[in-house]
Amino acid sequence: MAYTDLNYLRNVTGGEPEIIREMIELFISQIPEFSENLNNYLAEKKYLELGKEAHKAKSSVLVVGMEQLGKDLKTLQLLTLDGKGEETYADYVKEFDKQCNAAVEELKLELQKL
């Protein structure tokens, strides 16, 4: 799997397939809302809200092993809090969308195996 790593999820669930399935389904269901909110806050220049949404999304991506994206979301959150790097915010949001869309497809395949 290129975008996700379910080792963390397997460890914390004791490898229980039903719990893993629930966590994957929860992640898949959350992504459209995170994406919509991140893009809307960016477009509306509501940068504090953008940072708060990045913080919420960070927890979800870390559960499915998206470590680098989690770090990027943390960086975005801190930048918005400091009011710095405004020109980079769109890149973070675009990368979130790209990686999460790919991760959702990956995880749908994983669900078929559970």
C-alpha atoms as a PDB file:
ATOM      1  CA  MET A   1       0.000   0.000   0.000  1.00  0.00           C
ATOM      2  CA  ALA A   2       1.485   3.260  -1.133  1.00  0.00           C
ATOM      3  CA  TYR A   3      -0.340   5.802   1.038  1.00  0.00           C
ATOM      4  CA  THR A   4      -1.489   3.940   4.122  1.00  0.00           C
ATOM      5  CA  ASP A   5       0.148   1.644   6.645  1.00  0.00           C
ATOM      6  CA  LEU A   6      -2.272  -0.317   8.791  1.00  0.00           C
ATOM      7  CA  ASN A   7       0.352  -1.669  11.199  1.00  0.00           C
ATOM      8  CA  TYR A   8      -0.542   0.897  13.869  1.00  0.00           C
ATOM      9  CA  LEU A   9      -4.232   0.093  13.496  1.00  0.00           C
ATOM     10  CA  ARG A  10      -3.548  -3.639  13.673  1.00  0.00           C
ATOM     11  CA  ASN A  11      -1.451  -3.157  16.816  1.00  0.00           C
ATOM     12  CA  VAL A  12      -3.972  -1.054  18.726  1.00  0.00           C
ATOM     13  CA  THR A  13      -6.885  -3.315  17.782  1.00  0.00           C
ATOM     14  CA  GLY A  14      -5.027  -6.550  18.444  1.00  0.00           C
ATOM     15  CA  GLY A  15      -5.595  -7.379  14.795  1.00  0.00           C
ATOM     16  CA  GLU A  16      -9.356  -7.613  15.333  1.00  0.00           C
ATOM     17  CA  PRO A  17     -10.810  -7.467  11.775  1.00  0.00           C
ATOM     18  CA  GLU A  18     -14.162  -5.983  12.793  1.00  0.00           C
ATOM     19  CA  ILE A  19     -12.575  -3.055  14.647  1.00  0.00           C
ATOM     20  CA  ILE A  20     -10.104  -2.485  11.803  1.00  0.00           C
ATOM     21  CA  ARG A  21     -13.046  -2.466   9.385  1.00  0.00           C
ATOM     22  CA  GLU A  22     -14.919   0.096  11.517  1.00  0.00           C
ATOM     23  CA  MET A  23     -11.882   2.378  11.750  1.00  0.00           C
ATOM     24  CA  ILE A  24     -11.264   2.210   7.998  1.00  0.00           C
ATOM     25  CA  GLU A  25     -14.931   2.911   7.263  1.00  0.00           C
ATOM     26  CA  LEU A  26     -14.871   5.846   9.670  1.00  0.00           C
ATOM     27  CA  PHE A  27     -11.791   7.274   7.934  1.00  0.00           C
ATOM     28  CA  ILE A  28     -13.401   6.880   4.503  1.00  0.00           C
ATOM     29  CA  SER A  29     -16.589   8.583   5.701  1.00  0.00           C
ATOM     30  CA  GLN A  30     -14.702  11.537   7.252  1.00  0.00           C
ATOM     31  CA  ILE A  31     -12.532  12.459   4.274  1.00  0.00           C
ATOM     32  CA  PRO A  32     -15.205  14.237   2.159  1.00  0.00           C
ATOM     33  CA  GLU A  33     -16.136  16.509   5.074  1.00  0.00           C
ATOM     34  CA  PHE A  34     -12.504  17.282   5.933  1.00  0.00           C
ATOM     35  CA  SER A  35     -11.781  18.043   2.284  1.00  0.00           C
ATOM     36  CA  GLU A  36     -14.825  20.263   1.880  1.00  0.00           C
ATOM     37  CA  ASN A  37     -14.081  22.177   5.080  1.00  0.00           C
ATOM     38  CA  LEU A  38     -10.380  22.632   4.310  1.00  0.00           C
ATOM     39  CA  ASN A  39     -11.144  23.905   0.808  1.00  0.00           C
ATOM     40  CA  ASN A  40     -13.944  26.202   1.991  1.00  0.00           C
ATOM     41  CA  TYR A  41     -11.899  27.707   4.826  1.00  0.00           C
ATOM     42  CA  LEU A  42      -9.020  28.242   2.419  1.00  0.00           C
ATOM     43  CA  ALA A  43     -11.247  29.926  -0.180  1.00  0.00           C
ATOM     44  CA  GLU A  44     -12.892  32.104   2.484  1.00  0.00           C
ATOM     45  CA  LYS A  45      -9.508  32.945   4.042  1.00  0.00           C
ATOM     46  CA  LYS A  46     -10.723  31.652   7.407  1.00  0.00           C
ATOM     47  CA  TYR A  47      -7.252  30.571   8.372  1.00  0.00           C
ATOM     48  CA  LEU A  48      -7.807  29.847  12.066  1.00  0.00           C
ATOM     49  CA  GLU A  49     -10.658  27.514  11.123  1.00  0.00           C
ATOM     50  CA  LEU A  50      -8.413  25.994   8.454  1.00  0.00           C
ATOM     51  CA  GLY A  51      -5.841  25.210  11.137  1.00  0.00           C
ATOM     52  CA  LYS A  52      -8.443  23.704  13.451  1.00  0.00           C
ATOM     53  CA  GLU A  53      -9.729  21.486  10.643  1.00  0.00           C
ATOM     54  CA  ALA A  54      -6.163  20.425   9.813  1.00  0.00           C
ATOM     55  CA  HIS A  55      -5.769  19.423  13.461  1.00  0.00           C
ATOM     56  CA  LYS A  56      -8.930  17.280  13.329  1.00  0.00           C
ATOM     57  CA  ALA A  57      -7.921  15.668  10.035  1.00  0.00           C
ATOM     58  CA  LYS A  58      -4.437  14.921  11.383  1.00  0.00           C
ATOM     59  CA  SER A  59      -5.800  12.452  13.930  1.00  0.00           C
ATOM     60  CA  SER A  60      -7.686  10.544  11.253  1.00  0.00           C
ATOM     61  CA  VAL A  61      -4.797  10.256   8.829  1.00  0.00           C
ATOM     62  CA  LEU A  62      -2.442   9.069  11.564  1.00  0.00           C
ATOM     63  CA  VAL A  63      -4.782   6.181  12.442  1.00  0.00           C
ATOM     64  CA  VAL A  64      -4.301   4.742   8.946  1.00  0.00           C
ATOM     65  CA  GLY A  65      -0.550   5.290   9.036  1.00  0.00           C
ATOM     66  CA  MET A  66      -0.259   8.415   6.915  1.00  0.00           C
ATOM     67  CA  GLU A  67       2.638   9.757   8.980  1.00  0.00           C
ATOM     68  CA  GLN A  68       4.011  12.360   6.565  1.00  0.00           C
ATOM     69  CA  LEU A  69       0.573  13.786   5.842  1.00  0.00           C
ATOM     70  CA  GLY A  70      -0.028  13.976   9.592  1.00  0.00           C
ATOM     71  CA  LYS A  71       3.174  15.992   9.965  1.00  0.00           C
ATOM     72  CA  ASP A  72       2.150  18.246   7.070  1.00  0.00           C
ATOM     73  CA  LEU A  73      -1.238  18.894   8.658  1.00  0.00           C
ATOM     74  CA  LYS A  74       0.468  19.749  11.952  1.00  0.00           C
ATOM     75  CA  THR A  75       2.706  22.200  10.071  1.00  0.00           C
ATOM     76  CA  LEU A  76      -0.342  23.767   8.416  1.00  0.00           C
ATOM     77  CA  GLN A  77      -2.045  24.068  11.790  1.00  0.00           C
ATOM     78  CA  LEU A  78       0.970  25.810  13.324  1.00  0.00           C
ATOM     79  CA  LEU A  79       1.399  28.126  10.340  1.00  0.00           C
ATOM     80  CA  THR A  80      -2.222  29.258  10.593  1.00  0.00           C
ATOM     81  CA  LEU A  81      -1.864  29.859  14.328  1.00  0.00           C
ATOM     82  CA  ASP A  82       1.221  32.004  13.702  1.00  0.00           C
ATOM     83  CA  GLY A  83      -0.354  33.730  10.689  1.00  0.00           C
ATOM     84  CA  LYS A  84       2.645  32.763   8.559  1.00  0.00           C
ATOM     85  CA  GLY A  85       3.211  31.085   5.206  1.00  0.00           C
ATOM     86  CA  GLU A  86      -0.216  31.952   3.841  1.00  0.00           C
ATOM     87  CA  GLU A  87       1.042  31.343   0.292  1.00  0.00           C
ATOM     88  CA  THR A  88       1.651  27.656   1.160  1.00  0.00           C
ATOM     89  CA  TYR A  89      -1.778  26.825   2.608  1.00  0.00           C
ATOM     90  CA  ALA A  90      -3.289  25.870  -0.753  1.00  0.00           C
ATOM     91  CA  ASP A  91      -0.441  23.417  -1.388  1.00  0.00           C
ATOM     92  CA  TYR A  92      -1.126  21.662   1.916  1.00  0.00           C
ATOM     93  CA  VAL A  93      -4.830  21.380   1.141  1.00  0.00           C
ATOM     94  CA  LYS A  94      -4.168  20.126  -2.384  1.00  0.00           C
ATOM     95  CA  GLU A  95      -1.763  17.490  -1.053  1.00  0.00           C
ATOM     96  CA  PHE A  96      -4.322  16.407   1.550  1.00  0.00           C
ATOM     97  CA  ASP A  97      -6.928  15.915  -1.170  1.00  0.00           C
ATOM     98  CA  LYS A  98      -4.552  14.023  -3.442  1.00  0.00           C
ATOM     99  CA  GLN A  99      -3.227  11.671  -0.791  1.00  0.00           C
ATOM    100  CA  CYS A 100      -6.545  11.046   0.914  1.00  0.00           C
ATOM    101  CA  ASN A 101      -8.354  10.279  -2.329  1.00  0.00           C
ATOM    102  CA  ALA A 102      -5.659   7.721  -3.139  1.00  0.00           C
ATOM    103  CA  ALA A 103      -5.778   6.364   0.426  1.00  0.00           C
ATOM    104  CA  VAL A 104      -9.555   5.913   0.246  1.00  0.00           C
ATOM    105  CA  GLU A 105      -9.169   3.793  -2.890  1.00  0.00           C
ATOM    106  CA  GLU A 106      -6.434   1.768  -1.217  1.00  0.00           C
ATOM    107  CA  LEU A 107      -8.517   1.218   1.899  1.00  0.00           C
ATOM    108  CA  LYS A 108     -11.591   0.176  -0.075  1.00  0.00           C
ATOM    109  CA  LEU A 109      -9.476  -2.636  -1.501  1.00  0.00           C
ATOM    110  CA  GLU A 110      -8.265  -3.486   1.988  1.00  0.00           C
ATOM    111  CA  LEU A 111     -11.873  -3.707   3.234  1.00  0.00           C
ATOM    112  CA  GLN A 112     -12.565  -6.382   0.632  1.00  0.00           C
ATOM    113  CA  LYS A 113      -9.817  -8.509   2.190  1.00  0.00           C
ATOM    114  CA  LEU A 114     -11.143  -8.241   5.756  1.00  0.00           C
END
